[in-house]
Amino acid sequence: MSILYGLALLTAASTAMVDAEVSRVNYSNCLTDFTVTHLDQKTARAAFRKAAETACAEERNAMIAAIKKDELEFGSSEAEATSYANEEAASVLSSFTEGYASYLSSNTRPVKQQ
């Protein structure tokens, strides 16, 4: 019986991690599309950074919710889970806002994740 319980917990944890990773990829891919559009328009760096803060809100919120759920299932407090999920979303956004100038100057484009 305890083996089945342990297997059920492991399966649930794996599913939660998959949900969090899928939502992270969805947010990243949305930001990729957003970034490419702005690179094509040659949007200035400061304007891109400001616009990026509110881009892909639905995907960002889904990612935060999935990570928060995952963290709560692993025993984090509500505050810890929320903080960690927000930090992860900020990290994804930061990779795009920090890389934008490089993409712009090199005339390259980010690529979607699979």
Protein backbone atom coordinates (compact mmCIF):
# COMPACT_ATOMS: atom_id res chain seq x y z
CA MET A 1 0.00 0.00 0.00
CA SER A 2 2.75 2.47 0.88
CA ILE A 3 4.48 1.72 -2.42
CA LEU A 4 1.32 2.69 -4.31
CA TYR A 5 0.99 5.85 -2.24
CA GLY A 6 4.62 6.75 -2.94
CA LEU A 7 4.14 6.08 -6.65
CA ALA A 8 1.02 8.26 -6.69
CA LEU A 9 2.90 11.11 -5.02
CA LEU A 10 5.78 10.79 -7.46
CA THR A 11 3.40 10.79 -10.42
CA ALA A 12 1.59 13.87 -9.11
CA ALA A 13 4.87 15.68 -8.56
CA SER A 14 6.05 14.79 -12.07
CA THR A 15 2.80 16.03 -13.58
CA ALA A 16 3.08 19.32 -11.69
CA MET A 17 6.65 19.81 -12.90
CA VAL A 18 5.56 19.11 -16.48
CA ASP A 19 2.75 21.67 -16.18
CA ALA A 20 5.20 24.24 -14.86
CA GLU A 21 7.69 23.53 -17.64
CA VAL A 22 5.01 23.63 -20.36
CA SER A 23 3.76 26.97 -19.05
CA ARG A 24 7.35 28.29 -18.91
CA VAL A 25 7.89 27.30 -22.56
CA ASN A 26 4.55 28.88 -23.55
CA TYR A 27 5.53 32.16 -21.87
CA SER A 28 8.97 32.10 -23.44
CA ASN A 29 7.55 31.37 -26.89
CA CYS A 30 5.05 34.18 -26.56
CA LEU A 31 7.87 36.55 -25.61
CA THR A 32 9.86 35.25 -28.57
CA ASP A 33 7.05 36.27 -30.93
CA PHE A 34 6.71 39.61 -29.14
CA THR A 35 10.46 40.24 -29.37
CA VAL A 36 10.67 39.34 -33.06
CA THR A 37 7.83 41.74 -33.83
CA HIS A 38 9.62 44.55 -32.03
CA LEU A 39 12.96 43.69 -33.63
CA ASP A 40 11.30 43.87 -37.05
CA GLN A 41 9.88 47.27 -36.10
CA LYS A 42 13.30 48.34 -34.76
CA THR A 43 11.70 49.39 -31.48
CA ALA A 44 14.10 51.28 -29.23
CA ARG A 45 15.47 49.35 -26.27
CA ALA A 46 13.74 51.43 -23.59
CA ALA A 47 10.39 51.23 -25.37
CA PHE A 48 10.78 47.48 -25.78
CA ARG A 49 11.62 47.02 -22.11
CA LYS A 50 8.54 48.98 -21.06
CA ALA A 51 6.23 47.15 -23.47
CA ALA A 52 7.65 43.75 -22.51
CA GLU A 53 6.60 44.21 -18.88
CA THR A 54 2.94 43.74 -19.84
CA ALA A 55 3.39 41.43 -22.83
CA CYS A 56 2.05 37.88 -22.75
CA ALA A 57 0.13 38.44 -19.52
CA GLU A 58 -2.01 35.33 -19.92
CA GLU A 59 1.03 33.08 -20.45
CA ARG A 60 2.92 34.76 -17.60
CA ASN A 61 -0.01 34.29 -15.21
CA ALA A 62 -0.36 30.63 -16.23
CA MET A 63 3.34 30.08 -15.59
CA ILE A 64 3.18 31.74 -12.19
CA ALA A 65 0.12 29.71 -11.22
CA ALA A 66 1.72 26.41 -12.30
CA ILE A 67 4.98 27.09 -10.49
CA LYS A 68 3.15 28.29 -7.39
CA LYS A 69 0.99 25.15 -7.38
CA ASP A 70 4.12 23.02 -7.77
CA GLU A 71 5.87 24.78 -4.90
CA LEU A 72 2.85 24.49 -2.61
CA GLU A 73 2.69 20.76 -3.29
CA PHE A 74 6.33 20.48 -2.23
CA GLY A 75 5.53 22.14 1.08
CA SER A 76 6.45 25.78 0.49
CA SER A 77 4.41 28.40 2.26
CA GLU A 78 2.04 30.57 0.24
CA ALA A 79 4.44 33.51 0.46
CA GLU A 80 7.47 31.42 -0.54
CA ALA A 81 5.62 29.83 -3.46
CA THR A 82 4.37 33.19 -4.71
CA SER A 83 7.78 34.81 -4.38
CA TYR A 84 9.55 31.97 -6.17
CA ALA A 85 6.99 31.87 -9.00
CA ASN A 86 7.26 35.63 -9.51
CA GLU A 87 11.06 35.42 -9.52
CA GLU A 88 10.96 32.69 -12.17
CA ALA A 89 8.63 34.73 -14.39
CA ALA A 90 10.85 37.79 -13.92
CA SER A 91 13.86 35.70 -14.93
CA VAL A 92 12.22 34.62 -18.19
CA LEU A 93 11.29 38.22 -18.97
CA SER A 94 14.76 39.45 -18.06
CA SER A 95 16.39 37.10 -20.54
CA PHE A 96 14.43 38.80 -23.31
CA THR A 97 14.83 42.39 -22.13
CA GLU A 98 18.55 41.93 -21.49
CA GLY A 99 19.14 40.21 -24.83
CA TYR A 100 17.12 42.63 -26.91
CA ALA A 101 19.98 45.06 -27.59
CA SER A 102 22.19 42.22 -28.77
CA TYR A 103 19.52 40.90 -31.11
CA LEU A 104 18.92 44.42 -32.41
CA SER A 105 22.58 45.20 -33.05
CA SER A 106 23.38 41.81 -34.62
CA ASN A 107 20.13 41.61 -36.61
CA THR A 108 19.46 38.15 -35.18
CA ARG A 109 16.27 36.72 -33.71
CA PRO A 110 15.42 34.55 -30.72
CA VAL A 111 14.15 31.07 -31.49
CA LYS A 112 11.10 29.37 -30.00
CA GLN A 113 11.59 26.47 -27.64
CA GLN A 114 10.15 23.07 -28.47
